Amino acid sequence: MADDLPNPTAAGEGAPAGSGARRVRALRGATTVDEDTTDQVTSRTQALLVAMLARNGISHEDIISVLFTATDDVHCMFPATAARAIGFGDVPLLCARELDINGAQGRCIRVLMHVESPRRRDQLHHVYMEGARGLRDDLPE
């Protein structure tokens, strides 16, 4: 299974799964803004990123890249700009437009963060805040 493939750069070629080897993992998160303002996008994006790192014991050096998406009703700024303001300037960041699906959560910013971690996928804690909490009701708090 792909989850059991070792990261040869972290613990040596062929390290067995569960040996503490660091692997590339993906963390998900999302938040919403009440208003499309730079203050709200900045504060909510930053709060989400800080919570994702804290909840998973991830340090800045563990971050590989971050992909942000925003719904069509977020126009005031790039979420990546908010990330740079809290020290993500040396991390590859990319913003994209979320699909415009009827009935989807509005004013929503989603994050896909690639990190190196010794944790298994089932040990990661994805973070959904504000109005985005209902997007993934299958995840534990």
N, C-alpha and C. Protein backbone atom coordinates (compact mmCIF):
# COMPACT_ATOMS: atom_id res chain seq x y z
N MET A 1 0.84 -1.16 0.00
CA MET A 1 0.00 0.00 0.00
C MET A 1 0.89 1.24 0.00
N ALA A 2 0.49 2.30 -0.71
CA ALA A 2 1.31 3.50 -0.86
C ALA A 2 1.63 4.13 0.48
N ASP A 3 0.75 4.03 1.47
CA ASP A 3 0.98 4.63 2.77
C ASP A 3 2.18 4.01 3.47
N ASP A 4 2.53 2.78 3.12
CA ASP A 4 3.64 2.10 3.78
C ASP A 4 4.97 2.30 3.08
N LEU A 5 4.98 3.07 1.97
CA LEU A 5 6.23 3.30 1.27
C LEU A 5 7.10 4.22 2.11
N PRO A 6 8.36 3.87 2.29
CA PRO A 6 9.25 4.70 3.09
C PRO A 6 9.66 5.96 2.35
N ASN A 7 10.09 6.96 3.10
CA ASN A 7 10.67 8.16 2.54
C ASN A 7 12.18 7.96 2.63
N PRO A 8 12.85 7.60 1.51
CA PRO A 8 14.25 7.25 1.56
C PRO A 8 15.14 8.38 2.05
N THR A 9 14.74 9.62 1.90
CA THR A 9 15.58 10.73 2.35
C THR A 9 15.48 10.95 3.85
N ALA A 10 14.50 10.36 4.51
CA ALA A 10 14.31 10.62 5.93
C ALA A 10 14.97 9.59 6.83
N ALA A 11 14.88 8.34 6.51
CA ALA A 11 15.39 7.32 7.43
C ALA A 11 16.22 6.25 6.73
N GLY A 12 16.67 6.54 5.54
CA GLY A 12 17.46 5.54 4.83
C GLY A 12 16.58 4.68 3.94
N GLU A 13 17.11 4.26 2.84
CA GLU A 13 16.38 3.44 1.87
C GLU A 13 15.81 2.20 2.53
N GLY A 14 14.50 1.96 2.31
CA GLY A 14 13.88 0.72 2.74
C GLY A 14 13.51 0.66 4.21
N ALA A 15 13.42 1.79 4.90
CA ALA A 15 13.04 1.77 6.32
C ALA A 15 11.62 1.22 6.45
N PRO A 16 11.38 0.30 7.37
CA PRO A 16 10.05 -0.29 7.51
C PRO A 16 9.04 0.71 8.03
N ALA A 17 7.78 0.49 7.66
CA ALA A 17 6.69 1.34 8.15
C ALA A 17 6.62 1.26 9.67
N GLY A 18 6.35 2.39 10.29
CA GLY A 18 6.24 2.42 11.74
C GLY A 18 7.58 2.56 12.44
N SER A 19 8.68 2.74 11.67
CA SER A 19 10.00 2.83 12.27
C SER A 19 10.36 4.24 12.69
N GLY A 20 9.42 5.16 12.61
CA GLY A 20 9.71 6.54 12.93
C GLY A 20 10.20 7.32 11.72
N ALA A 21 10.21 6.68 10.56
CA ALA A 21 10.64 7.36 9.34
C ALA A 21 9.66 8.47 9.01
N ARG A 22 10.22 9.57 8.55
CA ARG A 22 9.37 10.69 8.16
C ARG A 22 8.88 10.46 6.73
N ARG A 23 7.60 10.70 6.53
CA ARG A 23 6.99 10.51 5.23
C ARG A 23 6.26 11.78 4.83
N VAL A 24 6.03 11.93 3.55
CA VAL A 24 5.25 13.05 3.06
C VAL A 24 3.78 12.77 3.38
N ARG A 25 3.16 13.72 4.04
CA ARG A 25 1.75 13.60 4.40
C ARG A 25 1.02 14.86 3.94
N ALA A 26 -0.28 14.77 3.82
CA ALA A 26 -1.10 15.91 3.43
C ALA A 26 -2.12 16.19 4.52
N LEU A 27 -2.13 17.43 4.98
CA LEU A 27 -3.11 17.88 5.98
C LEU A 27 -4.15 18.73 5.29
N ARG A 28 -5.41 18.55 5.68
CA ARG A 28 -6.49 19.35 5.12
C ARG A 28 -7.03 20.28 6.18
N GLY A 29 -7.54 21.39 5.72
CA GLY A 29 -8.19 22.34 6.61
C GLY A 29 -9.06 23.29 5.81
N ALA A 30 -9.97 23.94 6.51
CA ALA A 30 -10.83 24.92 5.85
C ALA A 30 -11.38 25.87 6.91
N THR A 31 -11.71 27.05 6.45
CA THR A 31 -12.35 28.04 7.29
C THR A 31 -13.26 28.88 6.41
N THR A 32 -14.05 29.71 7.02
CA THR A 32 -14.89 30.64 6.28
C THR A 32 -14.68 32.05 6.82
N VAL A 33 -15.08 33.02 6.02
CA VAL A 33 -15.09 34.41 6.45
C VAL A 33 -16.53 34.90 6.42
N ASP A 34 -16.86 35.76 7.36
CA ASP A 34 -18.21 36.35 7.39
C ASP A 34 -18.35 37.44 6.35
N GLU A 35 -17.24 38.14 6.09
CA GLU A 35 -17.20 39.21 5.10
C GLU A 35 -15.93 39.06 4.27
N ASP A 36 -16.00 39.46 3.02
CA ASP A 36 -14.84 39.40 2.14
C ASP A 36 -14.00 40.65 2.37
N THR A 37 -13.25 40.66 3.49
CA THR A 37 -12.38 41.78 3.82
C THR A 37 -10.97 41.26 4.06
N THR A 38 -9.98 42.11 3.86
CA THR A 38 -8.61 41.67 4.09
C THR A 38 -8.38 41.30 5.55
N ASP A 39 -9.02 42.01 6.47
CA ASP A 39 -8.87 41.67 7.89
C ASP A 39 -9.37 40.26 8.18
N GLN A 40 -10.57 39.94 7.67
CA GLN A 40 -11.13 38.61 7.94
C GLN A 40 -10.35 37.50 7.24
N VAL A 41 -10.01 37.69 5.98
CA VAL A 41 -9.26 36.66 5.27
C VAL A 41 -7.90 36.45 5.94
N THR A 42 -7.27 37.53 6.33
CA THR A 42 -5.97 37.42 7.00
C THR A 42 -6.09 36.69 8.33
N SER A 43 -6.98 37.15 9.20
CA SER A 43 -7.06 36.55 10.54
C SER A 43 -7.54 35.10 10.50
N ARG A 44 -8.52 34.79 9.67
CA ARG A 44 -9.04 33.42 9.63
C ARG A 44 -8.06 32.46 8.96
N THR A 45 -7.37 32.92 7.92
CA THR A 45 -6.37 32.06 7.27
C THR A 45 -5.23 31.78 8.22
N GLN A 46 -4.74 32.81 8.89
CA GLN A 46 -3.65 32.63 9.83
C GLN A 46 -4.04 31.73 10.99
N ALA A 47 -5.25 31.92 11.53
CA ALA A 47 -5.71 31.07 12.63
C ALA A 47 -5.79 29.61 12.19
N LEU A 48 -6.25 29.37 10.98
CA LEU A 48 -6.34 28.00 10.46
C LEU A 48 -4.96 27.37 10.34
N LEU A 49 -4.02 28.08 9.76
CA LEU A 49 -2.67 27.53 9.58
C LEU A 49 -2.01 27.24 10.92
N VAL A 50 -2.13 28.16 11.86
CA VAL A 50 -1.55 27.95 13.19
C VAL A 50 -2.18 26.73 13.86
N ALA A 51 -3.49 26.58 13.75
CA ALA A 51 -4.18 25.44 14.35
C ALA A 51 -3.76 24.12 13.70
N MET A 52 -3.59 24.12 12.38
CA MET A 52 -3.16 22.90 11.69
C MET A 52 -1.79 22.46 12.17
N LEU A 53 -0.87 23.40 12.33
CA LEU A 53 0.47 23.07 12.79
C LEU A 53 0.45 22.60 14.24
N ALA A 54 -0.24 23.35 15.10
CA ALA A 54 -0.28 23.02 16.53
C ALA A 54 -0.94 21.67 16.78
N ARG A 55 -2.05 21.42 16.13
CA ARG A 55 -2.81 20.19 16.37
C ARG A 55 -2.05 18.94 15.92
N ASN A 56 -1.09 19.13 15.00
CA ASN A 56 -0.36 17.99 14.46
C ASN A 56 1.11 17.97 14.84
N GLY A 57 1.53 18.88 15.71
CA GLY A 57 2.92 18.92 16.13
C GLY A 57 3.89 19.16 14.98
N ILE A 58 3.47 19.96 14.03
CA ILE A 58 4.27 20.24 12.84
C ILE A 58 5.03 21.54 13.05
N SER A 59 6.31 21.54 12.72
CA SER A 59 7.09 22.77 12.79
C SER A 59 7.22 23.36 11.38
N HIS A 60 7.66 24.59 11.33
CA HIS A 60 7.80 25.28 10.05
C HIS A 60 8.71 24.50 9.10
N GLU A 61 9.76 23.91 9.62
CA GLU A 61 10.71 23.17 8.80
C GLU A 61 10.10 21.92 8.18
N ASP A 62 8.99 21.44 8.74
CA ASP A 62 8.32 20.23 8.23
C ASP A 62 7.44 20.51 7.01
N ILE A 63 7.15 21.78 6.75
CA ILE A 63 6.21 22.14 5.68
C ILE A 63 6.92 22.07 4.33
N ILE A 64 6.30 21.36 3.40
CA ILE A 64 6.83 21.23 2.04
C ILE A 64 6.19 22.28 1.14
N SER A 65 4.87 22.35 1.13
CA SER A 65 4.15 23.32 0.31
C SER A 65 2.72 23.44 0.82
N VAL A 66 2.04 24.50 0.38
CA VAL A 66 0.66 24.73 0.79
C VAL A 66 -0.14 25.19 -0.43
N LEU A 67 -1.27 24.53 -0.65
CA LEU A 67 -2.21 24.90 -1.70
C LEU A 67 -3.45 25.48 -1.04
N PHE A 68 -3.84 26.66 -1.45
CA PHE A 68 -5.06 27.31 -0.96
C PHE A 68 -6.07 27.35 -2.10
N THR A 69 -7.33 27.12 -1.77
CA THR A 69 -8.41 27.42 -2.71
C THR A 69 -9.39 28.33 -2.00
N ALA A 70 -10.08 29.15 -2.77
CA ALA A 70 -11.11 30.03 -2.22
C ALA A 70 -12.30 30.00 -3.16
N THR A 71 -13.47 30.14 -2.58
CA THR A 71 -14.70 30.18 -3.38
C THR A 71 -14.77 31.49 -4.15
N ASP A 72 -15.65 31.54 -5.14
CA ASP A 72 -15.76 32.69 -6.04
C ASP A 72 -16.12 34.00 -5.33
N ASP A 73 -16.60 33.92 -4.11
CA ASP A 73 -17.00 35.13 -3.40
C ASP A 73 -15.91 35.69 -2.49
N VAL A 74 -14.70 35.18 -2.61
CA VAL A 74 -13.54 35.74 -1.89
C VAL A 74 -12.66 36.42 -2.93
N HIS A 75 -12.63 37.76 -2.89
CA HIS A 75 -11.92 38.55 -3.90
C HIS A 75 -10.89 39.50 -3.32
N CYS A 76 -10.93 39.77 -2.03
CA CYS A 76 -10.16 40.87 -1.45
C CYS A 76 -8.66 40.64 -1.43
N MET A 77 -8.22 39.40 -1.35
CA MET A 77 -6.79 39.12 -1.27
C MET A 77 -6.52 37.64 -1.48
N PHE A 78 -5.25 37.32 -1.68
CA PHE A 78 -4.82 35.93 -1.77
C PHE A 78 -4.60 35.40 -0.36
N PRO A 79 -5.14 34.23 -0.03
CA PRO A 79 -4.84 33.64 1.28
C PRO A 79 -3.34 33.43 1.51
N ALA A 80 -2.58 33.21 0.46
CA ALA A 80 -1.14 33.05 0.60
C ALA A 80 -0.47 34.30 1.17
N THR A 81 -1.04 35.46 0.89
CA THR A 81 -0.50 36.70 1.45
C THR A 81 -0.60 36.68 2.97
N ALA A 82 -1.69 36.17 3.49
CA ALA A 82 -1.86 36.04 4.95
C ALA A 82 -0.84 35.06 5.51
N ALA A 83 -0.58 33.98 4.79
CA ALA A 83 0.40 32.99 5.24
C ALA A 83 1.80 33.59 5.28
N ARG A 84 2.15 34.36 4.26
CA ARG A 84 3.48 34.97 4.24
C ARG A 84 3.69 35.89 5.44
N ALA A 85 2.63 36.55 5.87
CA ALA A 85 2.73 37.50 6.98
C ALA A 85 3.05 36.83 8.32
N ILE A 86 2.86 35.50 8.41
CA ILE A 86 3.22 34.78 9.64
C ILE A 86 4.40 33.84 9.42
N GLY A 87 5.22 34.15 8.42
CA GLY A 87 6.47 33.42 8.26
C GLY A 87 6.50 32.33 7.22
N PHE A 88 5.48 32.23 6.38
CA PHE A 88 5.47 31.19 5.35
C PHE A 88 6.12 31.66 4.05
N GLY A 89 6.87 32.75 4.08
CA GLY A 89 7.45 33.32 2.88
C GLY A 89 8.44 32.42 2.16
N ASP A 90 9.06 31.49 2.88
CA ASP A 90 10.02 30.58 2.26
C ASP A 90 9.39 29.24 1.86
N VAL A 91 8.08 29.12 2.03
CA VAL A 91 7.35 27.90 1.69
C VAL A 91 6.65 28.11 0.34
N PRO A 92 6.73 27.15 -0.58
CA PRO A 92 5.98 27.28 -1.83
C PRO A 92 4.47 27.32 -1.54
N LEU A 93 3.82 28.40 -1.97
CA LEU A 93 2.39 28.61 -1.75
C LEU A 93 1.71 28.81 -3.10
N LEU A 94 0.50 28.30 -3.22
CA LEU A 94 -0.26 28.45 -4.46
C LEU A 94 -1.72 28.66 -4.12
N CYS A 95 -2.33 29.63 -4.79
CA CYS A 95 -3.77 29.87 -4.63
C CYS A 95 -4.50 29.48 -5.90
N ALA A 96 -5.71 28.94 -5.75
CA ALA A 96 -6.54 28.55 -6.88
C ALA A 96 -8.00 28.82 -6.53
N ARG A 97 -8.83 28.79 -7.53
CA ARG A 97 -10.26 29.02 -7.36
C ARG A 97 -10.93 27.68 -7.09
N GLU A 98 -11.78 27.64 -6.08
CA GLU A 98 -12.57 26.44 -5.76
C GLU A 98 -13.66 26.28 -6.83
N LEU A 99 -14.09 25.06 -7.07
CA LEU A 99 -15.19 24.83 -8.00
C LEU A 99 -16.44 25.55 -7.52
N ASP A 100 -17.20 26.10 -8.44
CA ASP A 100 -18.43 26.82 -8.12
C ASP A 100 -19.59 25.83 -8.21
N ILE A 101 -19.87 25.15 -7.11
CA ILE A 101 -20.91 24.12 -7.06
C ILE A 101 -22.15 24.67 -6.39
N ASN A 102 -23.30 24.46 -6.98
CA ASN A 102 -24.56 24.91 -6.38
C ASN A 102 -24.72 24.34 -4.98
N GLY A 103 -25.03 25.20 -4.04
CA GLY A 103 -25.27 24.78 -2.67
C GLY A 103 -24.01 24.59 -1.82
N ALA A 104 -22.84 24.84 -2.39
CA ALA A 104 -21.59 24.66 -1.64
C ALA A 104 -21.42 25.78 -0.61
N GLN A 105 -20.60 25.52 0.38
CA GLN A 105 -20.29 26.51 1.42
C GLN A 105 -19.67 27.75 0.78
N GLY A 106 -20.22 28.91 1.08
CA GLY A 106 -19.71 30.16 0.54
C GLY A 106 -18.62 30.76 1.40
N ARG A 107 -17.91 31.74 0.83
CA ARG A 107 -16.82 32.45 1.50
C ARG A 107 -15.90 31.49 2.25
N CYS A 108 -15.47 30.47 1.54
CA CYS A 108 -14.70 29.38 2.14
C CYS A 108 -13.27 29.36 1.59
N ILE A 109 -12.33 29.19 2.49
CA ILE A 109 -10.92 29.05 2.14
C ILE A 109 -10.49 27.65 2.59
N ARG A 110 -9.99 26.88 1.63
CA ARG A 110 -9.54 25.53 1.93
C ARG A 110 -8.02 25.46 1.81
N VAL A 111 -7.42 24.54 2.57
CA VAL A 111 -5.97 24.39 2.59
C VAL A 111 -5.61 22.92 2.43
N LEU A 112 -4.62 22.67 1.60
CA LEU A 112 -3.99 21.36 1.49
C LEU A 112 -2.51 21.61 1.76
N MET A 113 -2.02 21.15 2.92
CA MET A 113 -0.65 21.38 3.34
C MET A 113 0.13 20.07 3.26
N HIS A 114 1.22 20.09 2.51
CA HIS A 114 2.10 18.93 2.41
C HIS A 114 3.21 19.09 3.44
N VAL A 115 3.40 18.05 4.24
CA VAL A 115 4.38 18.10 5.32
C VAL A 115 5.17 16.80 5.38
N GLU A 116 6.29 16.84 6.08
CA GLU A 116 7.01 15.62 6.42
C GLU A 116 6.68 15.30 7.87
N SER A 117 6.32 14.06 8.13
CA SER A 117 5.91 13.68 9.48
C SER A 117 6.12 12.18 9.68
N PRO A 118 6.44 11.78 10.91
CA PRO A 118 6.51 10.36 11.20
C PRO A 118 5.13 9.75 11.47
N ARG A 119 4.10 10.59 11.55
CA ARG A 119 2.75 10.10 11.84
C ARG A 119 2.16 9.35 10.66
N ARG A 120 1.34 8.36 10.98
CA ARG A 120 0.56 7.67 9.94
C ARG A 120 -0.60 8.58 9.54
N ARG A 121 -1.17 8.30 8.39
CA ARG A 121 -2.31 9.11 7.93
C ARG A 121 -3.44 9.15 8.95
N ASP A 122 -3.70 8.02 9.61
CA ASP A 122 -4.81 7.97 10.55
C ASP A 122 -4.50 8.69 11.86
N GLN A 123 -3.28 9.20 12.01
CA GLN A 123 -2.90 9.95 13.20
C GLN A 123 -2.91 11.46 12.95
N LEU A 124 -3.21 11.88 11.73
CA LEU A 124 -3.27 13.30 11.41
C LEU A 124 -4.61 13.88 11.83
N HIS A 125 -4.59 15.13 12.19
CA HIS A 125 -5.81 15.83 12.61
C HIS A 125 -6.07 16.98 11.64
N HIS A 126 -7.05 16.80 10.78
CA HIS A 126 -7.45 17.83 9.84
C HIS A 126 -8.27 18.86 10.62
N VAL A 127 -8.18 20.12 10.21
CA VAL A 127 -8.78 21.20 10.98
C VAL A 127 -9.80 21.95 10.15
N TYR A 128 -11.02 22.01 10.64
CA TYR A 128 -12.11 22.74 9.99
C TYR A 128 -12.68 23.72 10.99
N MET A 129 -12.65 25.00 10.64
CA MET A 129 -13.02 26.06 11.58
C MET A 129 -14.18 26.89 11.04
N GLU A 130 -14.76 27.66 11.94
CA GLU A 130 -15.85 28.59 11.60
C GLU A 130 -16.96 27.84 10.86
N GLY A 131 -17.48 28.41 9.79
CA GLY A 131 -18.57 27.79 9.04
C GLY A 131 -18.17 26.55 8.27
N ALA A 132 -16.88 26.28 8.20
CA ALA A 132 -16.41 25.10 7.47
C ALA A 132 -16.46 23.83 8.31
N ARG A 133 -16.80 23.94 9.57
CA ARG A 133 -16.85 22.74 10.44
C ARG A 133 -17.78 21.67 9.87
N GLY A 134 -18.85 22.07 9.26
CA GLY A 134 -19.82 21.13 8.73
C GLY A 134 -19.39 20.44 7.44
N LEU A 135 -18.28 20.88 6.86
CA LEU A 135 -17.83 20.26 5.61
C LEU A 135 -17.38 18.82 5.82
N ARG A 136 -16.83 18.53 6.99
CA ARG A 136 -16.32 17.19 7.26
C ARG A 136 -16.83 16.72 8.63
N ASP A 137 -18.07 16.34 8.69
CA ASP A 137 -18.64 15.88 9.97
C ASP A 137 -18.19 14.46 10.33
N ASP A 138 -17.42 13.83 9.43
CA ASP A 138 -16.90 12.49 9.71
C ASP A 138 -15.60 12.52 10.49
N LEU A 139 -15.04 13.70 10.72
CA LEU A 139 -13.76 13.80 11.43
C LEU A 139 -13.98 14.09 12.90
N PRO A 140 -13.16 13.50 13.77
CA PRO A 140 -13.28 13.81 15.20
C PRO A 140 -12.80 15.22 15.49
N GLU A 141 -13.31 15.80 16.56
CA GLU A 141 -12.90 17.16 16.95
C GLU A 141 -11.47 17.20 17.35
